[in-house]
Each structure stands twice: as C-alpha cells, then as structure tokens.
Amino acid sequence: MENRMRKWVDRGATTDTMYVCKGGTIDSEENIIERIKGKLIVPKYFYMAILYKNDEGYKAIAFWALNENVDRSGDDLKKYVVSIDRLEELTGIDFFCNLPDDIENKVEAQTYTVSWTW
C-alpha cells in the first residue's frame, strides 16, 4: 500500500492536493494483536484513507488490511479497497470532515478504483 501510494504522489501532475491518513487499530483490546513488554502495541488491522483534488474535483480511496506475519507484496491491492464510509465504520474516525457535506458524502460513499493507476 505504501509503495503504491508513493507512486500516486509521484504522478502529482494530475493532482494538485493529496491528503493521506494512515494508521493501525489500537482503540480496543479486540483490535490489538499483542502488547510487547507492556509498551509497544501491535495493531490487528492497518488502514489508509486517501483523498485527492484536481481540476476535475475530488476522489477518494481507502484500504483496510489484516496485520499478519505473511508476505502479501504480490497481492492485488484492489482486494483491500473499501469506501471511506466503510473505513469510518471500522475505525470510528470521521475522515475528511472539513469538506463541504455534499462533497464529503459523495466521495466517501464510493471507491473510485478506476481513478487510480494500478
């Protein structure tokens, strides 16, 4: 996910602004795999929410992935795509809340996978 997002950023000619929110679930014990020495929290899931704006408007995409000790570098990233609305349900976070409501509601409900180069 990180490498793909960086490639999208490098193609900035089609994007004038890109916002990226990413993290891991550490909000409850059910979303934590383990605590190492009582200090380091290992999240059960990782997520990323991306919003970009260009002269055509706004587009958004989100990813939700289980944190496993498995090499998934060959996976098709599309299988981890969710809408921003779904990611908000999973995390309890209101992403991109500063957008006007009409724009926020539209871009957060869809995945726009065709708008991204894979």
PDB file of N, CA and C in Angstrom:
ATOM      1  N   MET A   1       0.828  -1.199   0.000  1.00  0.00           N
ATOM      2  CA  MET A   1       0.000   0.000   0.000  1.00  0.00           C
ATOM      3  C   MET A   1       0.864   1.252   0.000  1.00  0.00           C
ATOM      4  N   GLU A   2       1.875   1.220   0.823  1.00  0.00           N
ATOM      5  CA  GLU A   2       2.746   2.403   0.927  1.00  0.00           C
ATOM      6  C   GLU A   2       3.434   2.704  -0.406  1.00  0.00           C
ATOM      7  N   ASN A   3       3.974   1.684  -1.041  1.00  0.00           N
ATOM      8  CA  ASN A   3       4.659   1.896  -2.319  1.00  0.00           C
ATOM      9  C   ASN A   3       3.703   2.394  -3.396  1.00  0.00           C
ATOM     10  N   ARG A   4       2.498   1.850  -3.446  1.00  0.00           N
ATOM     11  CA  ARG A   4       1.514   2.277  -4.438  1.00  0.00           C
ATOM     12  C   ARG A   4       1.131   3.736  -4.205  1.00  0.00           C
ATOM     13  N   MET A   5       0.902   4.100  -2.965  1.00  0.00           N
ATOM     14  CA  MET A   5       0.541   5.478  -2.643  1.00  0.00           C
ATOM     15  C   MET A   5       1.654   6.438  -3.048  1.00  0.00           C
ATOM     16  N   ARG A   6       2.895   6.045  -2.824  1.00  0.00           N
ATOM     17  CA  ARG A   6       4.024   6.903  -3.207  1.00  0.00           C
ATOM     18  C   ARG A   6       4.091   7.087  -4.721  1.00  0.00           C
ATOM     19  N   LYS A   7       3.745   6.050  -5.480  1.00  0.00           N
ATOM     20  CA  LYS A   7       3.709   6.189  -6.939  1.00  0.00           C
ATOM     21  C   LYS A   7       2.620   7.159  -7.362  1.00  0.00           C
ATOM     22  N   TRP A   8       1.485   7.125  -6.672  1.00  0.00           N
ATOM     23  CA  TRP A   8       0.417   8.071  -6.988  1.00  0.00           C
ATOM     24  C   TRP A   8       0.861   9.497  -6.689  1.00  0.00           C
ATOM     25  N   VAL A   9       1.583   9.685  -5.587  1.00  0.00           N
ATOM     26  CA  VAL A   9       2.079  11.020  -5.238  1.00  0.00           C
ATOM     27  C   VAL A   9       3.080  11.503  -6.290  1.00  0.00           C
ATOM     28  N   ASP A  10       3.948  10.605  -6.755  1.00  0.00           N
ATOM     29  CA  ASP A  10       4.941  10.979  -7.767  1.00  0.00           C
ATOM     30  C   ASP A  10       4.301  11.433  -9.069  1.00  0.00           C
ATOM     31  N   ARG A  11       3.089  11.016  -9.315  1.00  0.00           N
ATOM     32  CA  ARG A  11       2.384  11.435 -10.528  1.00  0.00           C
ATOM     33  C   ARG A  11       1.561  12.686 -10.262  1.00  0.00           C
ATOM     34  N   GLY A  12       2.084  13.564  -9.458  1.00  0.00           N
ATOM     35  CA  GLY A  12       1.395  14.747  -8.989  1.00  0.00           C
ATOM     36  C   GLY A  12       0.914  15.701 -10.054  1.00  0.00           C
ATOM     37  N   ALA A  13       1.305  15.510 -11.300  1.00  0.00           N
ATOM     38  CA  ALA A  13       0.868  16.410 -12.358  1.00  0.00           C
ATOM     39  C   ALA A  13      -0.651  16.396 -12.520  1.00  0.00           C
ATOM     40  N   THR A  14      -1.302  15.286 -12.178  1.00  0.00           N
ATOM     41  CA  THR A  14      -2.754  15.206 -12.304  1.00  0.00           C
ATOM     42  C   THR A  14      -3.460  15.534 -11.003  1.00  0.00           C
ATOM     43  N   THR A  15      -2.704  15.818  -9.979  1.00  0.00           N
ATOM     44  CA  THR A  15      -3.263  16.076  -8.663  1.00  0.00           C
ATOM     45  C   THR A  15      -2.661  17.359  -8.113  1.00  0.00           C
ATOM     46  N   ASP A  16      -3.531  18.277  -7.641  1.00  0.00           N
ATOM     47  CA  ASP A  16      -2.935  19.467  -7.040  1.00  0.00           C
ATOM     48  C   ASP A  16      -2.828  19.345  -5.526  1.00  0.00           C
ATOM     49  N   THR A  17      -3.643  18.479  -4.909  1.00  0.00           N
ATOM     50  CA  THR A  17      -3.581  18.273  -3.462  1.00  0.00           C
ATOM     51  C   THR A  17      -3.915  16.825  -3.145  1.00  0.00           C
ATOM     52  N   MET A  18      -3.138  16.206  -2.264  1.00  0.00           N
ATOM     53  CA  MET A  18      -3.445  14.848  -1.826  1.00  0.00           C
ATOM     54  C   MET A  18      -3.315  14.782  -0.315  1.00  0.00           C
ATOM     55  N   TYR A  19      -4.348  14.218   0.326  1.00  0.00           N
ATOM     56  CA  TYR A  19      -4.358  14.020   1.772  1.00  0.00           C
ATOM     57  C   TYR A  19      -4.293  12.521   2.036  1.00  0.00           C
ATOM     58  N   VAL A  20      -3.439  12.136   2.972  1.00  0.00           N
ATOM     59  CA  VAL A  20      -3.277  10.726   3.304  1.00  0.00           C
ATOM     60  C   VAL A  20      -3.372  10.568   4.819  1.00  0.00           C
ATOM     61  N   CYS A  21      -4.267   9.693   5.244  1.00  0.00           N
ATOM     62  CA  CYS A  21      -4.406   9.351   6.661  1.00  0.00           C
ATOM     63  C   CYS A  21      -4.159   7.857   6.773  1.00  0.00           C
ATOM     64  N   LYS A  22      -3.234   7.465   7.636  1.00  0.00           N
ATOM     65  CA  LYS A  22      -2.972   6.042   7.781  1.00  0.00           C
ATOM     66  C   LYS A  22      -2.647   5.726   9.223  1.00  0.00           C
ATOM     67  N   GLY A  23      -2.911   4.486   9.571  1.00  0.00           N
ATOM     68  CA  GLY A  23      -2.648   4.084  10.942  1.00  0.00           C
ATOM     69  C   GLY A  23      -2.985   2.632  11.165  1.00  0.00           C
ATOM     70  N   GLY A  24      -3.001   2.266  12.428  1.00  0.00           N
ATOM     71  CA  GLY A  24      -3.350   0.922  12.843  1.00  0.00           C
ATOM     72  C   GLY A  24      -4.391   0.988  13.939  1.00  0.00           C
ATOM     73  N   THR A  25      -5.135  -0.093  14.092  1.00  0.00           N
ATOM     74  CA  THR A  25      -6.188  -0.116  15.095  1.00  0.00           C
ATOM     75  C   THR A  25      -5.604  -0.431  16.467  1.00  0.00           C
ATOM     76  N   ILE A  26      -5.722   0.519  17.353  1.00  0.00           N
ATOM     77  CA  ILE A  26      -5.252   0.323  18.730  1.00  0.00           C
ATOM     78  C   ILE A  26      -6.292   0.843  19.721  1.00  0.00           C
ATOM     79  N   ASP A  27      -7.512   1.007  19.246  1.00  0.00           N
ATOM     80  CA  ASP A  27      -8.559   1.636  20.048  1.00  0.00           C
ATOM     81  C   ASP A  27      -9.225   0.710  21.061  1.00  0.00           C
ATOM     82  N   SER A  28      -9.112  -0.599  20.871  1.00  0.00           N
ATOM     83  CA  SER A  28      -9.711  -1.540  21.814  1.00  0.00           C
ATOM     84  C   SER A  28      -8.889  -2.831  21.822  1.00  0.00           C
ATOM     85  N   GLU A  29      -9.046  -3.596  22.881  1.00  0.00           N
ATOM     86  CA  GLU A  29      -8.278  -4.844  23.007  1.00  0.00           C
ATOM     87  C   GLU A  29      -8.573  -5.816  21.871  1.00  0.00           C
ATOM     88  N   GLU A  30      -9.786  -5.820  21.348  1.00  0.00           N
ATOM     89  CA  GLU A  30     -10.125  -6.731  20.245  1.00  0.00           C
ATOM     90  C   GLU A  30      -9.420  -6.347  18.946  1.00  0.00           C
ATOM     91  N   ASN A  31      -8.920  -5.118  18.854  1.00  0.00           N
ATOM     92  CA  ASN A  31      -8.191  -4.656  17.672  1.00  0.00           C
ATOM     93  C   ASN A  31      -6.685  -4.613  17.877  1.00  0.00           C
ATOM     94  N   ILE A  32      -6.225  -5.288  18.924  1.00  0.00           N
ATOM     95  CA  ILE A  32      -4.798  -5.348  19.236  1.00  0.00           C
ATOM     96  C   ILE A  32      -4.361  -6.810  19.237  1.00  0.00           C
ATOM     97  N   ILE A  33      -3.300  -7.108  18.507  1.00  0.00           N
ATOM     98  CA  ILE A  33      -2.785  -8.484  18.481  1.00  0.00           C
ATOM     99  C   ILE A  33      -2.043  -8.799  19.771  1.00  0.00           C
ATOM    100  N   GLU A  34      -1.148  -7.896  20.170  1.00  0.00           N
ATOM    101  CA  GLU A  34      -0.396  -8.096  21.409  1.00  0.00           C
ATOM    102  C   GLU A  34       0.226  -6.796  21.872  1.00  0.00           C
ATOM    103  N   ARG A  35       0.659  -6.813  23.102  1.00  0.00           N
ATOM    104  CA  ARG A  35       1.415  -5.708  23.694  1.00  0.00           C
ATOM    105  C   ARG A  35       2.794  -6.261  24.042  1.00  0.00           C
ATOM    106  N   ILE A  36       3.809  -5.681  23.453  1.00  0.00           N
ATOM    107  CA  ILE A  36       5.170  -6.156  23.669  1.00  0.00           C
ATOM    108  C   ILE A  36       5.773  -5.398  24.842  1.00  0.00           C
ATOM    109  N   LYS A  37       6.146  -6.145  25.863  1.00  0.00           N
ATOM    110  CA  LYS A  37       6.707  -5.582  27.099  1.00  0.00           C
ATOM    111  C   LYS A  37       5.796  -4.505  27.691  1.00  0.00           C
ATOM    112  N   GLY A  38       4.499  -4.643  27.444  1.00  0.00           N
ATOM    113  CA  GLY A  38       3.528  -3.709  28.003  1.00  0.00           C
ATOM    114  C   GLY A  38       3.559  -2.319  27.407  1.00  0.00           C
ATOM    115  N   LYS A  39       4.381  -2.103  26.378  1.00  0.00           N
ATOM    116  CA  LYS A  39       4.537  -0.755  25.833  1.00  0.00           C
ATOM    117  C   LYS A  39       4.202  -0.650  24.355  1.00  0.00           C
ATOM    118  N   LEU A  40       4.724  -1.550  23.550  1.00  0.00           N
ATOM    119  CA  LEU A  40       4.534  -1.479  22.112  1.00  0.00           C
ATOM    120  C   LEU A  40       3.274  -2.245  21.727  1.00  0.00           C
ATOM    121  N   ILE A  41       2.342  -1.547  21.094  1.00  0.00           N
ATOM    122  CA  ILE A  41       1.073  -2.158  20.703  1.00  0.00           C
ATOM    123  C   ILE A  41       1.159  -2.613  19.258  1.00  0.00           C
ATOM    124  N   VAL A  42       0.772  -3.856  18.987  1.00  0.00           N
ATOM    125  CA  VAL A  42       0.740  -4.403  17.642  1.00  0.00           C
ATOM    126  C   VAL A  42      -0.722  -4.411  17.187  1.00  0.00           C
ATOM    127  N   PRO A  43      -1.069  -3.557  16.205  1.00  0.00           N
ATOM    128  CA  PRO A  43      -2.468  -3.469  15.774  1.00  0.00           C
ATOM    129  C   PRO A  43      -2.907  -4.688  14.965  1.00  0.00           C
ATOM    130  N   LYS A  44      -4.189  -5.008  15.059  1.00  0.00           N
ATOM    131  CA  LYS A  44      -4.748  -6.130  14.312  1.00  0.00           C
ATOM    132  C   LYS A  44      -4.976  -5.763  12.846  1.00  0.00           C
ATOM    133  N   TYR A  45      -5.264  -4.483  12.590  1.00  0.00           N
ATOM    134  CA  TYR A  45      -5.514  -4.006  11.229  1.00  0.00           C
ATOM    135  C   TYR A  45      -4.727  -2.728  10.953  1.00  0.00           C
ATOM    136  N   PHE A  46      -4.380  -2.546   9.688  1.00  0.00           N
ATOM    137  CA  PHE A  46      -3.815  -1.287   9.203  1.00  0.00           C
ATOM    138  C   PHE A  46      -4.800  -0.687   8.215  1.00  0.00           C
ATOM    139  N   TYR A  47      -4.804   0.633   8.137  1.00  0.00           N
ATOM    140  CA  TYR A  47      -5.704   1.305   7.199  1.00  0.00           C
ATOM    141  C   TYR A  47      -5.031   2.523   6.581  1.00  0.00           C
ATOM    142  N   MET A  48      -5.586   2.926   5.445  1.00  0.00           N
ATOM    143  CA  MET A  48      -5.125   4.132   4.775  1.00  0.00           C
ATOM    144  C   MET A  48      -6.322   4.759   4.068  1.00  0.00           C
ATOM    145  N   ALA A  49      -6.492   6.058   4.237  1.00  0.00           N
ATOM    146  CA  ALA A  49      -7.533   6.814   3.544  1.00  0.00           C
ATOM    147  C   ALA A  49      -6.844   7.905   2.735  1.00  0.00           C
ATOM    148  N   ILE A  50      -7.173   7.982   1.457  1.00  0.00           N
ATOM    149  CA  ILE A  50      -6.527   8.942   0.560  1.00  0.00           C
ATOM    150  C   ILE A  50      -7.602   9.771  -0.131  1.00  0.00           C
ATOM    151  N   LEU A  51      -7.387  11.074  -0.153  1.00  0.00           N
ATOM    152  CA  LEU A  51      -8.280  11.994  -0.852  1.00  0.00           C
ATOM    153  C   LEU A  51      -7.424  12.878  -1.734  1.00  0.00           C
ATOM    154  N   TYR A  52      -7.796  13.001  -3.008  1.00  0.00           N
ATOM    155  CA  TYR A  52      -7.070  13.945  -3.852  1.00  0.00           C
ATOM    156  C   TYR A  52      -8.026  14.881  -4.544  1.00  0.00           C
ATOM    157  N   LYS A  53      -7.495  16.014  -4.901  1.00  0.00           N
ATOM    158  CA  LYS A  53      -8.266  17.059  -5.573  1.00  0.00           C
ATOM    159  C   LYS A  53      -7.475  17.505  -6.792  1.00  0.00           C
ATOM    160  N   ASN A  54      -8.182  17.648  -7.915  1.00  0.00           N
ATOM    161  CA  ASN A  54      -7.592  18.250  -9.105  1.00  0.00           C
ATOM    162  C   ASN A  54      -8.673  19.082  -9.795  1.00  0.00           C
ATOM    163  N   ASP A  55      -8.423  19.491 -11.018  1.00  0.00           N
ATOM    164  CA  ASP A  55      -9.391  20.361 -11.689  1.00  0.00           C
ATOM    165  C   ASP A  55     -10.702  19.647 -12.014  1.00  0.00           C
ATOM    166  N   GLU A  56     -10.741  18.322 -11.891  1.00  0.00           N
ATOM    167  CA  GLU A  56     -11.975  17.562 -12.111  1.00  0.00           C
ATOM    168  C   GLU A  56     -12.779  17.382 -10.829  1.00  0.00           C
ATOM    169  N   GLY A  57     -12.182  17.700  -9.688  1.00  0.00           N
ATOM    170  CA  GLY A  57     -12.880  17.556  -8.413  1.00  0.00           C
ATOM    171  C   GLY A  57     -12.131  16.661  -7.444  1.00  0.00           C
ATOM    172  N   TYR A  58     -12.879  16.013  -6.572  1.00  0.00           N
ATOM    173  CA  TYR A  58     -12.313  15.168  -5.522  1.00  0.00           C
ATOM    174  C   TYR A  58     -12.532  13.696  -5.828  1.00  0.00           C
ATOM    175  N   LYS A  59     -11.569  12.877  -5.428  1.00  0.00           N
ATOM    176  CA  LYS A  59     -11.671  11.427  -5.492  1.00  0.00           C
ATOM    177  C   LYS A  59     -11.061  10.872  -4.204  1.00  0.00           C
ATOM    178  N   ALA A  60     -11.590   9.727  -3.766  1.00  0.00           N
ATOM    179  CA  ALA A  60     -11.073   9.129  -2.531  1.00  0.00           C
ATOM    180  C   ALA A  60     -10.990   7.622  -2.679  1.00  0.00           C
ATOM    181  N   ILE A  61     -10.118   7.041  -1.893  1.00  0.00           N
ATOM    182  CA  ILE A  61      -9.983   5.584  -1.845  1.00  0.00           C
ATOM    183  C   ILE A  61      -9.471   5.230  -0.450  1.00  0.00           C
ATOM    184  N   ALA A  62      -9.831   4.053   0.010  1.00  0.00           N
ATOM    185  CA  ALA A  62      -9.371   3.608   1.328  1.00  0.00           C
ATOM    186  C   ALA A  62      -8.971   2.142   1.255  1.00  0.00           C
ATOM    187  N   PHE A  63      -8.093   1.774   2.168  1.00  0.00           N
ATOM    188  CA  PHE A  63      -7.627   0.399   2.272  1.00  0.00           C
ATOM    189  C   PHE A  63      -7.783  -0.077   3.716  1.00  0.00           C
ATOM    190  N   TRP A  64      -8.107  -1.351   3.865  1.00  0.00           N
ATOM    191  CA  TRP A  64      -8.251  -1.984   5.176  1.00  0.00           C
ATOM    192  C   TRP A  64      -7.596  -3.359   5.073  1.00  0.00           C
ATOM    193  N   ALA A  65      -6.593  -3.620   5.902  1.00  0.00           N
ATOM    194  CA  ALA A  65      -5.857  -4.884   5.791  1.00  0.00           C
ATOM    195  C   ALA A  65      -5.562  -5.474   7.165  1.00  0.00           C
ATOM    196  N   LEU A  66      -5.741  -6.770   7.254  1.00  0.00           N
ATOM    197  CA  LEU A  66      -5.406  -7.519   8.448  1.00  0.00           C
ATOM    198  C   LEU A  66      -3.886  -7.574   8.586  1.00  0.00           C
ATOM    199  N   ASN A  67      -3.380  -7.321   9.770  1.00  0.00           N
ATOM    200  CA  ASN A  67      -1.951  -7.368  10.053  1.00  0.00           C
ATOM    201  C   ASN A  67      -1.560  -8.812  10.351  1.00  0.00           C
ATOM    202  N   GLU A  68      -0.922  -9.430   9.370  1.00  0.00           N
ATOM    203  CA  GLU A  68      -0.487 -10.817   9.518  1.00  0.00           C
ATOM    204  C   GLU A  68       1.005 -10.891   9.227  1.00  0.00           C
ATOM    205  N   ASN A  69       1.654 -11.871   9.800  1.00  0.00           N
ATOM    206  CA  ASN A  69       3.076 -12.083   9.551  1.00  0.00           C
ATOM    207  C   ASN A  69       3.235 -12.929   8.287  1.00  0.00           C
ATOM    208  N   VAL A  70       2.757 -12.377   7.165  1.00  0.00           N
ATOM    209  CA  VAL A  70       2.746 -13.061   5.876  1.00  0.00           C
ATOM    210  C   VAL A  70       3.148 -12.048   4.811  1.00  0.00           C
ATOM    211  N   ASP A  71       3.942 -12.465   3.846  1.00  0.00           N
ATOM    212  CA  ASP A  71       4.318 -11.575   2.746  1.00  0.00           C
ATOM    213  C   ASP A  71       3.143 -11.460   1.780  1.00  0.00           C
ATOM    214  N   ARG A  72       2.530 -10.297   1.735  1.00  0.00           N
ATOM    215  CA  ARG A  72       1.400 -10.044   0.852  1.00  0.00           C
ATOM    216  C   ARG A  72       1.776  -9.084  -0.278  1.00  0.00           C
ATOM    217  N   SER A  73       3.072  -8.922  -0.515  1.00  0.00           N
ATOM    218  CA  SER A  73       3.519  -7.949  -1.511  1.00  0.00           C
ATOM    219  C   SER A  73       3.056  -8.280  -2.925  1.00  0.00           C
ATOM    220  N   GLY A  74       2.695  -9.517  -3.181  1.00  0.00           N
ATOM    221  CA  GLY A  74       2.214  -9.902  -4.503  1.00  0.00           C
ATOM    222  C   GLY A  74       0.703  -9.797  -4.659  1.00  0.00           C
ATOM    223  N   ASP A  75      -0.001  -9.448  -3.589  1.00  0.00           N
ATOM    224  CA  ASP A  75      -1.458  -9.351  -3.640  1.00  0.00           C
ATOM    225  C   ASP A  75      -1.906  -8.192  -4.528  1.00  0.00           C
ATOM    226  N   ASP A  76      -3.057  -8.355  -5.127  1.00  0.00           N
ATOM    227  CA  ASP A  76      -3.712  -7.266  -5.837  1.00  0.00           C
ATOM    228  C   ASP A  76      -4.308  -6.333  -4.785  1.00  0.00           C
ATOM    229  N   LEU A  77      -3.844  -5.090  -4.751  1.00  0.00           N
ATOM    230  CA  LEU A  77      -4.299  -4.149  -3.732  1.00  0.00           C
ATOM    231  C   LEU A  77      -5.800  -3.885  -3.788  1.00  0.00           C
ATOM    232  N   LYS A  78      -6.405  -4.106  -4.929  1.00  0.00           N
ATOM    233  CA  LYS A  78      -7.840  -3.852  -5.046  1.00  0.00           C
ATOM    234  C   LYS A  78      -8.651  -4.693  -4.073  1.00  0.00           C
ATOM    235  N   LYS A  79      -8.114  -5.820  -3.638  1.00  0.00           N
ATOM    236  CA  LYS A  79      -8.868  -6.663  -2.716  1.00  0.00           C
ATOM    237  C   LYS A  79      -8.949  -6.056  -1.314  1.00  0.00           C
ATOM    238  N   TYR A  80      -8.144  -5.034  -1.046  1.00  0.00           N
ATOM    239  CA  TYR A  80      -8.160  -4.357   0.246  1.00  0.00           C
ATOM    240  C   TYR A  80      -8.910  -3.024   0.209  1.00  0.00           C
ATOM    241  N   VAL A  81      -9.443  -2.669  -0.950  1.00  0.00           N
ATOM    242  CA  VAL A  81     -10.125  -1.380  -1.105  1.00  0.00           C
ATOM    243  C   VAL A  81     -11.502  -1.417  -0.445  1.00  0.00           C
ATOM    244  N   VAL A  82     -11.785  -0.369   0.305  1.00  0.00           N
ATOM    245  CA  VAL A  82     -13.110  -0.128   0.886  1.00  0.00           C
ATOM    246  C   VAL A  82     -13.445   1.335   0.661  1.00  0.00           C
ATOM    247  N   SER A  83     -14.696   1.685   0.809  1.00  0.00           N
ATOM    248  CA  SER A  83     -15.061   3.098   0.717  1.00  0.00           C
ATOM    249  C   SER A  83     -14.620   3.809   1.998  1.00  0.00           C
ATOM    250  N   ILE A  84     -14.515   5.108   1.931  1.00  0.00           N
ATOM    251  CA  ILE A  84     -14.189   5.890   3.127  1.00  0.00           C
ATOM    252  C   ILE A  84     -15.299   5.695   4.164  1.00  0.00           C
ATOM    253  N   ASP A  85     -16.549   5.654   3.717  1.00  0.00           N
ATOM    254  CA  ASP A  85     -17.660   5.405   4.645  1.00  0.00           C
ATOM    255  C   ASP A  85     -17.452   4.114   5.412  1.00  0.00           C
ATOM    256  N   ARG A  86     -17.061   3.043   4.723  1.00  0.00           N
ATOM    257  CA  ARG A  86     -16.837   1.753   5.387  1.00  0.00           C
ATOM    258  C   ARG A  86     -15.660   1.837   6.348  1.00  0.00           C
ATOM    259  N   LEU A  87     -14.602   2.524   5.935  1.00  0.00           N
ATOM    260  CA  LEU A  87     -13.447   2.685   6.813  1.00  0.00           C
ATOM    261  C   LEU A  87     -13.836   3.460   8.074  1.00  0.00           C
ATOM    262  N   GLU A  88     -14.694   4.443   7.925  1.00  0.00           N
ATOM    263  CA  GLU A  88     -15.169   5.199   9.090  1.00  0.00           C
ATOM    264  C   GLU A  88     -15.949   4.294  10.041  1.00  0.00           C
ATOM    265  N   GLU A  89     -16.754   3.373   9.491  1.00  0.00           N
ATOM    266  CA  GLU A  89     -17.473   2.412  10.327  1.00  0.00           C
ATOM    267  C   GLU A  89     -16.505   1.516  11.085  1.00  0.00           C
ATOM    268  N   LEU A  90     -15.462   1.067  10.404  1.00  0.00           N
ATOM    269  CA  LEU A  90     -14.498   0.143  11.002  1.00  0.00           C
ATOM    270  C   LEU A  90     -13.618   0.800  12.056  1.00  0.00           C
ATOM    271  N   THR A  91     -13.282   2.077  11.861  1.00  0.00           N
ATOM    272  CA  THR A  91     -12.343   2.752  12.762  1.00  0.00           C
ATOM    273  C   THR A  91     -12.991   3.703  13.760  1.00  0.00           C
ATOM    274  N   GLY A  92     -14.186   4.186  13.454  1.00  0.00           N
ATOM    275  CA  GLY A  92     -14.816   5.198  14.305  1.00  0.00           C
ATOM    276  C   GLY A  92     -14.250   6.590  14.074  1.00  0.00           C
ATOM    277  N   ILE A  93     -13.474   6.767  13.007  1.00  0.00           N
ATOM    278  CA  ILE A  93     -12.851   8.054  12.692  1.00  0.00           C
ATOM    279  C   ILE A  93     -13.623   8.719  11.552  1.00  0.00           C
ATOM    280  N   ASP A  94     -13.877  10.019  11.690  1.00  0.00           N
ATOM    281  CA  ASP A  94     -14.540  10.787  10.632  1.00  0.00           C
ATOM    282  C   ASP A  94     -13.453  11.421   9.763  1.00  0.00           C
ATOM    283  N   PHE A  95     -13.099  10.742   8.669  1.00  0.00           N
ATOM    284  CA  PHE A  95     -12.070  11.240   7.768  1.00  0.00           C
ATOM    285  C   PHE A  95     -12.637  12.377   6.916  1.00  0.00           C
ATOM    286  N   PHE A  96     -11.797  13.337   6.586  1.00  0.00           N
ATOM    287  CA  PHE A  96     -12.113  14.416   5.653  1.00  0.00           C
ATOM    288  C   PHE A  96     -13.380  15.175   6.039  1.00  0.00           C
ATOM    289  N   CYS A  97     -13.554  15.377   7.327  1.00  0.00           N
ATOM    290  CA  CYS A  97     -14.746  16.044   7.857  1.00  0.00           C
ATOM    291  C   CYS A  97     -14.792  17.530   7.525  1.00  0.00           C
ATOM    292  N   ASN A  98     -13.696  18.095   7.049  1.00  0.00           N
ATOM    293  CA  ASN A  98     -13.677  19.526   6.712  1.00  0.00           C
ATOM    294  C   ASN A  98     -14.180  19.819   5.306  1.00  0.00           C
ATOM    295  N   LEU A  99     -14.461  18.788   4.533  1.00  0.00           N
ATOM    296  CA  LEU A  99     -15.046  19.001   3.207  1.00  0.00           C
ATOM    297  C   LEU A  99     -16.485  19.475   3.363  1.00  0.00           C
ATOM    298  N   PRO A 100     -16.991  20.246   2.409  1.00  0.00           N
ATOM    299  CA  PRO A 100     -18.427  20.554   2.428  1.00  0.00           C
ATOM    300  C   PRO A 100     -19.219  19.238   2.409  1.00  0.00           C
ATOM    301  N   ASP A 101     -20.319  19.163   3.142  1.00  0.00           N
ATOM    302  CA  ASP A 101     -21.058  17.917   3.311  1.00  0.00           C
ATOM    303  C   ASP A 101     -21.451  17.251   1.996  1.00  0.00           C
ATOM    304  N   ASP A 102     -21.851  18.031   1.001  1.00  0.00           N
ATOM    305  CA  ASP A 102     -22.271  17.422  -0.264  1.00  0.00           C
ATOM    306  C   ASP A 102     -21.102  16.707  -0.947  1.00  0.00           C
ATOM    307  N   ILE A 103     -19.923  17.295  -0.899  1.00  0.00           N
ATOM    308  CA  ILE A 103     -18.729  16.662  -1.477  1.00  0.00           C
ATOM    309  C   ILE A 103     -18.296  15.480  -0.628  1.00  0.00           C
ATOM    310  N   GLU A 104     -18.260  15.667   0.678  1.00  0.00           N
ATOM    311  CA  GLU A 104     -17.856  14.596   1.589  1.00  0.00           C
ATOM    312  C   GLU A 104     -18.746  13.363   1.404  1.00  0.00           C
ATOM    313  N   ASN A 105     -20.043  13.543   1.392  1.00  0.00           N
ATOM    314  CA  ASN A 105     -20.974  12.422   1.251  1.00  0.00           C
ATOM    315  C   ASN A 105     -20.769  11.683  -0.061  1.00  0.00           C
ATOM    316  N   LYS A 106     -20.502  12.406  -1.128  1.00  0.00           N
ATOM    317  CA  LYS A 106     -20.324  11.779  -2.437  1.00  0.00           C
ATOM    318  C   LYS A 106     -19.018  10.983  -2.507  1.00  0.00           C
ATOM    319  N   VAL A 107     -17.902  11.609  -2.168  1.00  0.00           N
ATOM    320  CA  VAL A 107     -16.609  10.924  -2.330  1.00  0.00           C
ATOM    321  C   VAL A 107     -16.401   9.811  -1.315  1.00  0.00           C
ATOM    322  N   GLU A 108     -17.000   9.922  -0.150  1.00  0.00           N
ATOM    323  CA  GLU A 108     -16.797   8.899   0.868  1.00  0.00           C
ATOM    324  C   GLU A 108     -17.639   7.650   0.636  1.00  0.00           C
ATOM    325  N   ALA A 109     -18.666   7.758  -0.192  1.00  0.00           N
ATOM    326  CA  ALA A 109     -19.555   6.618  -0.435  1.00  0.00           C
ATOM    327  C   ALA A 109     -19.031   5.682  -1.518  1.00  0.00           C
ATOM    328  N   GLN A 110     -18.099   6.145  -2.339  1.00  0.00           N
ATOM    329  CA  GLN A 110     -17.624   5.367  -3.477  1.00  0.00           C
ATOM    330  C   GLN A 110     -16.145   5.007  -3.313  1.00  0.00           C
ATOM    331  N   THR A 111     -15.690   4.073  -4.146  1.00  0.00           N
ATOM    332  CA  THR A 111     -14.285   3.654  -4.052  1.00  0.00           C
ATOM    333  C   THR A 111     -13.412   4.211  -5.176  1.00  0.00           C
ATOM    334  N   TYR A 112     -13.985   4.548  -6.313  1.00  0.00           N
ATOM    335  CA  TYR A 112     -13.241   5.160  -7.416  1.00  0.00           C
ATOM    336  C   TYR A 112     -12.000   4.372  -7.836  1.00  0.00           C
ATOM    337  N   THR A 113     -12.047   3.059  -7.858  1.00  0.00           N
ATOM    338  CA  THR A 113     -10.857   2.291  -8.229  1.00  0.00           C
ATOM    339  C   THR A 113     -10.405   2.585  -9.662  1.00  0.00           C
ATOM    340  N   VAL A 114     -11.314   2.992 -10.528  1.00  0.00           N
ATOM    341  CA  VAL A 114     -10.922   3.301 -11.927  1.00  0.00           C
ATOM    342  C   VAL A 114     -10.141   4.609 -12.003  1.00  0.00           C
ATOM    343  N   SER A 115     -10.188   5.420 -10.967  1.00  0.00           N
ATOM    344  CA  SER A 115      -9.478   6.702 -10.991  1.00  0.00           C
ATOM    345  C   SER A 115      -8.024   6.582 -10.585  1.00  0.00           C
ATOM    346  N   TRP A 116      -7.588   5.399 -10.231  1.00  0.00           N
ATOM    347  CA  TRP A 116      -6.236   5.186  -9.733  1.00  0.00           C
ATOM    348  C   TRP A 116      -5.492   4.251 -10.664  1.00  0.00           C
ATOM    349  N   THR A 117      -4.198   4.501 -10.852  1.00  0.00           N
ATOM    350  CA  THR A 117      -3.384   3.622 -11.693  1.00  0.00           C
ATOM    351  C   THR A 117      -2.896   2.444 -10.850  1.00  0.00           C
ATOM    352  N   TRP A 118      -3.076   1.264 -11.336  1.00  0.00           N
ATOM    353  CA  TRP A 118      -2.721   0.058 -10.581  1.00  0.00           C
ATOM    354  C   TRP A 118      -1.529  -0.598 -11.223  1.00  0.00           C
TER     355      TRP A 118
END
